[in-house]
């Protein structure tokens, strides 16, 4: 049985959880706080980053969300998430990189630092200026998602793909931390509501971090 070492508000852990659930891959969850740098976790991943997927029976450890997702794309036929022509697969990978890097760097990383790390680890107040800038940049990313949904049924084309999973994983963390204002983004909000209503998403919506609670709309599939 696979064991997924993950942190609940790690968007890359969420991406892997969504993919595994969509593909019907069984796994057990283990909570890992990367900042604790446990020796046992460092043995699995010297970079000390979540997610890490490990299977004792296979003698296999997978690290990095993109590598993990690609592994299951190659080994599990059910629910392909990098599909279509070569050009379509390239577009999926382009968008995954965009969301993993830009969406995370502009919005999710600052929110995690200001509203999670400062509160739980550093015991410092958040910087309102950083939060305002992150929420401002969030509108830019949401406008791009609006445009994609105006022109395609799903973010990368005619079918749900890893691009949708990657974007939804990032947005779900930002939304949990109160960093998303959906006003004026009906297309993006409608797309996200469809993702939230899938069975794979329900465990994420039901989880809560100690001390840090999400806004009231967070778990509502129509909000």
Protein backbone atom coordinates (compact mmCIF):
# COMPACT_ATOMS: atom_id res chain seq x y z
CA UNK A 1 0.00 0.00 0.00
CA UNK A 2 1.22 3.46 -0.87
CA UNK A 3 1.78 5.94 1.95
CA UNK A 4 1.48 9.60 1.05
CA UNK A 5 3.49 11.92 3.27
CA UNK A 6 1.70 15.23 2.94
CA UNK A 7 0.83 18.49 4.62
CA UNK A 8 -2.88 19.45 4.52
CA UNK A 9 -2.27 22.95 3.12
CA UNK A 10 0.43 21.90 0.67
CA UNK A 11 -1.14 22.45 -2.78
CA UNK A 12 1.23 19.93 -4.36
CA UNK A 13 0.11 17.28 -1.88
CA UNK A 14 -3.47 18.14 -2.80
CA UNK A 15 -2.69 17.78 -6.50
CA UNK A 16 -1.36 14.26 -5.94
CA UNK A 17 -4.31 13.33 -3.71
CA UNK A 18 -6.78 14.47 -6.37
CA UNK A 19 -4.99 12.56 -9.11
CA UNK A 20 -4.74 9.35 -7.07
CA UNK A 21 -8.43 9.54 -6.18
CA UNK A 22 -9.49 10.17 -9.78
CA UNK A 23 -7.44 7.15 -10.86
CA UNK A 24 -8.72 4.93 -8.03
CA UNK A 25 -5.26 4.36 -6.52
CA UNK A 26 -5.41 3.39 -2.85
CA UNK A 27 -3.11 5.08 -0.37
CA UNK A 28 -2.76 5.98 3.29
CA UNK A 29 -2.19 9.52 4.50
CA UNK A 30 0.58 10.54 6.85
CA UNK A 31 0.71 14.12 8.12
CA UNK A 32 4.15 15.64 7.65
CA UNK A 33 5.17 19.10 8.84
CA UNK A 34 8.18 19.82 6.60
CA UNK A 35 9.58 22.53 8.89
CA UNK A 36 10.17 19.89 11.59
CA UNK A 37 12.75 18.19 9.32
CA UNK A 38 12.30 14.75 10.90
CA UNK A 39 15.18 12.38 10.26
CA UNK A 40 12.78 9.71 9.01
CA UNK A 41 11.30 12.10 6.47
CA UNK A 42 14.72 13.38 5.40
CA UNK A 43 15.69 9.79 4.67
CA UNK A 44 12.77 9.63 2.22
CA UNK A 45 13.36 13.06 0.72
CA UNK A 46 16.55 15.00 1.53
CA UNK A 47 14.89 18.10 0.07
CA UNK A 48 12.39 17.88 2.98
CA UNK A 49 9.40 18.78 0.78
CA UNK A 50 5.95 17.28 0.52
CA UNK A 51 4.51 15.29 -1.12
CA UNK A 52 6.41 12.02 -0.92
CA UNK A 53 4.83 8.70 -1.89
CA UNK A 54 6.39 5.53 -0.50
CA UNK A 55 5.61 1.83 -0.78
CA UNK A 56 7.58 -0.62 1.37
CA UNK A 57 6.51 -3.66 -0.64
CA UNK A 58 7.63 -2.14 -3.92
CA UNK A 59 10.72 -0.64 -2.32
CA UNK A 60 9.80 2.55 -4.16
CA UNK A 61 9.79 6.21 -3.10
CA UNK A 62 8.41 8.91 -5.39
CA UNK A 63 9.17 12.59 -4.79
CA UNK A 64 7.85 15.81 -6.37
CA UNK A 65 4.22 16.18 -7.40
CA UNK A 66 4.92 16.38 -11.14
CA UNK A 67 7.08 13.26 -11.08
CA UNK A 68 4.45 11.43 -9.02
CA UNK A 69 1.63 12.42 -11.36
CA UNK A 70 3.62 11.43 -14.45
CA UNK A 71 4.42 8.05 -12.85
CA UNK A 72 0.74 7.23 -12.40
CA UNK A 73 -0.11 8.53 -15.84
CA UNK A 74 2.33 5.95 -17.22
CA UNK A 75 1.29 3.06 -14.94
CA UNK A 76 -2.49 3.46 -14.45
CA UNK A 77 -4.76 3.48 -17.50
CA UNK A 78 -7.89 4.66 -15.67
CA UNK A 79 -8.86 8.32 -16.09
CA UNK A 80 -5.93 9.60 -18.16
CA UNK A 81 -5.08 13.17 -17.17
CA UNK A 82 -2.39 13.95 -19.77
CA UNK A 83 -4.27 12.96 -22.88
CA UNK A 84 -4.97 13.81 -26.51
CA UNK A 85 -2.55 14.67 -29.31
CA UNK A 86 1.07 15.62 -28.75
CA UNK A 87 0.07 19.28 -28.98
CA UNK A 88 -2.74 18.80 -26.46
CA UNK A 89 -0.43 17.01 -24.03
CA UNK A 90 2.07 19.83 -24.40
CA UNK A 91 -0.65 22.34 -23.55
CA UNK A 92 -1.61 20.36 -20.44
CA UNK A 93 1.99 20.31 -19.27
CA UNK A 94 2.38 24.04 -20.02
CA UNK A 95 -0.59 24.90 -17.85
CA UNK A 96 0.49 22.56 -15.05
CA UNK A 97 3.85 24.35 -14.96
CA UNK A 98 2.12 27.74 -15.01
CA UNK A 99 -0.11 26.88 -12.06
CA UNK A 100 2.60 25.05 -10.11
CA UNK A 101 5.05 27.93 -10.51
CA UNK A 102 3.26 31.24 -11.13
CA UNK A 103 -0.01 30.68 -9.32
CA UNK A 104 1.84 29.18 -6.39
CA UNK A 105 4.56 31.83 -6.31
CA UNK A 106 2.27 34.83 -6.74
CA UNK A 107 -0.59 33.82 -4.43
CA UNK A 108 -0.33 30.57 -2.50
CA UNK A 109 3.23 30.88 -1.19
CA UNK A 110 2.73 34.40 0.24
CA UNK A 111 -0.61 33.40 1.80
CA UNK A 112 0.93 30.31 3.37
CA UNK A 113 3.79 32.36 4.78
CA UNK A 114 1.66 35.20 6.13
CA UNK A 115 -1.42 33.32 7.33
CA UNK A 116 -0.05 29.89 8.23
CA UNK A 117 3.71 29.93 8.87
CA UNK A 118 3.75 33.23 10.75
CA UNK A 119 0.87 32.12 12.95
CA UNK A 120 1.81 28.51 13.66
CA UNK A 121 5.60 28.62 13.54
CA UNK A 122 7.01 32.15 13.79
CA UNK A 123 4.30 33.56 16.10
CA UNK A 124 4.27 36.82 14.15
CA UNK A 125 1.42 38.93 12.75
CA UNK A 126 0.82 38.84 8.99
CA UNK A 127 2.01 41.65 6.74
CA UNK A 128 -1.12 43.31 5.34
CA UNK A 129 0.80 44.73 2.39
CA UNK A 130 1.92 41.26 1.26
CA UNK A 131 -1.62 39.92 1.63
CA UNK A 132 -3.09 42.76 -0.43
CA UNK A 133 -0.56 42.19 -3.21
CA UNK A 134 -1.27 38.44 -3.28
CA UNK A 135 -5.03 39.01 -3.48
CA UNK A 136 -4.49 41.58 -6.25
CA UNK A 137 -2.42 39.11 -8.25
CA UNK A 138 -5.10 36.46 -7.68
CA UNK A 139 -7.45 38.46 -9.90
CA UNK A 140 -4.93 38.34 -12.74
CA UNK A 141 -4.76 34.54 -12.56
CA UNK A 142 -8.55 34.24 -12.25
CA UNK A 143 -9.02 36.44 -15.33
CA UNK A 144 -6.81 34.02 -17.27
CA UNK A 145 -8.87 31.06 -16.05
CA UNK A 146 -12.02 32.99 -17.05
CA UNK A 147 -10.55 33.34 -20.56
CA UNK A 148 -9.65 29.65 -20.77
CA UNK A 149 -13.16 28.58 -19.75
CA UNK A 150 -14.68 31.04 -22.21
CA UNK A 151 -12.81 29.24 -24.99
CA UNK A 152 -12.65 25.61 -23.81
CA UNK A 153 -14.86 23.19 -21.85
CA UNK A 154 -11.91 22.54 -19.48
CA UNK A 155 -8.72 24.50 -18.90
CA UNK A 156 -6.57 22.62 -21.41
CA UNK A 157 -9.20 21.45 -23.88
CA UNK A 158 -12.24 19.25 -24.27
CA UNK A 159 -11.58 16.94 -21.31
CA UNK A 160 -10.67 17.31 -17.67
CA UNK A 161 -6.91 17.02 -17.29
CA UNK A 162 -4.02 17.42 -14.90
CA UNK A 163 -4.15 21.14 -15.67
CA UNK A 164 -7.55 21.37 -13.97
CA UNK A 165 -6.30 19.37 -11.00
CA UNK A 166 -3.17 21.50 -10.63
CA UNK A 167 -5.09 24.77 -10.76
CA UNK A 168 -7.83 23.58 -8.41
CA UNK A 169 -5.27 22.31 -5.88
CA UNK A 170 -3.59 25.72 -5.74
CA UNK A 171 -6.84 27.66 -5.61
CA UNK A 172 -8.26 25.42 -2.88
CA UNK A 173 -5.39 26.37 -0.55
CA UNK A 174 -5.66 30.06 -1.42
CA UNK A 175 -9.42 29.87 -0.86
CA UNK A 176 -8.94 28.13 2.50
CA UNK A 177 -6.66 30.98 3.58
CA UNK A 178 -9.18 33.63 2.53
CA UNK A 179 -7.11 34.89 -0.36
CA UNK A 180 -9.64 34.54 -3.19
CA UNK A 181 -12.32 37.05 -4.12
CA UNK A 182 -14.51 35.37 -6.72
CA UNK A 183 -16.43 38.58 -7.55
CA UNK A 184 -16.43 39.15 -11.30
CA UNK A 185 -15.04 35.70 -12.05
CA UNK A 186 -18.18 33.72 -12.81
CA UNK A 187 -16.47 31.47 -15.35
CA UNK A 188 -13.63 30.54 -13.02
CA UNK A 189 -15.97 30.12 -10.07
CA UNK A 190 -18.32 27.89 -12.08
CA UNK A 191 -15.42 25.72 -13.25
CA UNK A 192 -14.06 25.47 -9.70
CA UNK A 193 -17.51 24.53 -8.35
CA UNK A 194 -17.63 21.62 -10.79
CA UNK A 195 -14.23 20.42 -9.51
CA UNK A 196 -15.33 20.85 -5.88
CA UNK A 197 -18.39 18.67 -6.48
CA UNK A 198 -16.31 15.66 -7.57
CA UNK A 199 -15.89 12.82 -5.04
CA UNK A 200 -12.11 13.21 -5.17
CA UNK A 201 -12.43 16.73 -3.76
CA UNK A 202 -14.65 15.96 -0.77
CA UNK A 203 -11.90 14.83 1.63
CA UNK A 204 -10.01 18.07 1.01
CA UNK A 205 -13.06 20.20 1.74
CA UNK A 206 -13.81 18.39 5.00
CA UNK A 207 -10.32 18.76 6.50
CA UNK A 208 -9.46 21.57 8.88
CA UNK A 209 -6.13 22.88 10.15
CA UNK A 210 -5.67 23.46 13.83
CA UNK A 211 -6.19 27.13 14.75
CA UNK A 212 -6.61 28.24 11.11
CA UNK A 213 -10.18 27.96 9.85
CA UNK A 214 -11.40 28.63 6.29
CA UNK A 215 -14.10 31.12 5.28
CA UNK A 216 -17.70 29.93 5.43
CA UNK A 217 -18.01 29.46 1.65
CA UNK A 218 -14.93 27.23 1.41
CA UNK A 219 -16.67 23.83 1.59
CA UNK A 220 -19.80 24.82 -0.32
CA UNK A 221 -19.74 23.33 -3.79
CA UNK A 222 -21.89 26.12 -5.22
CA UNK A 223 -19.85 28.99 -3.79
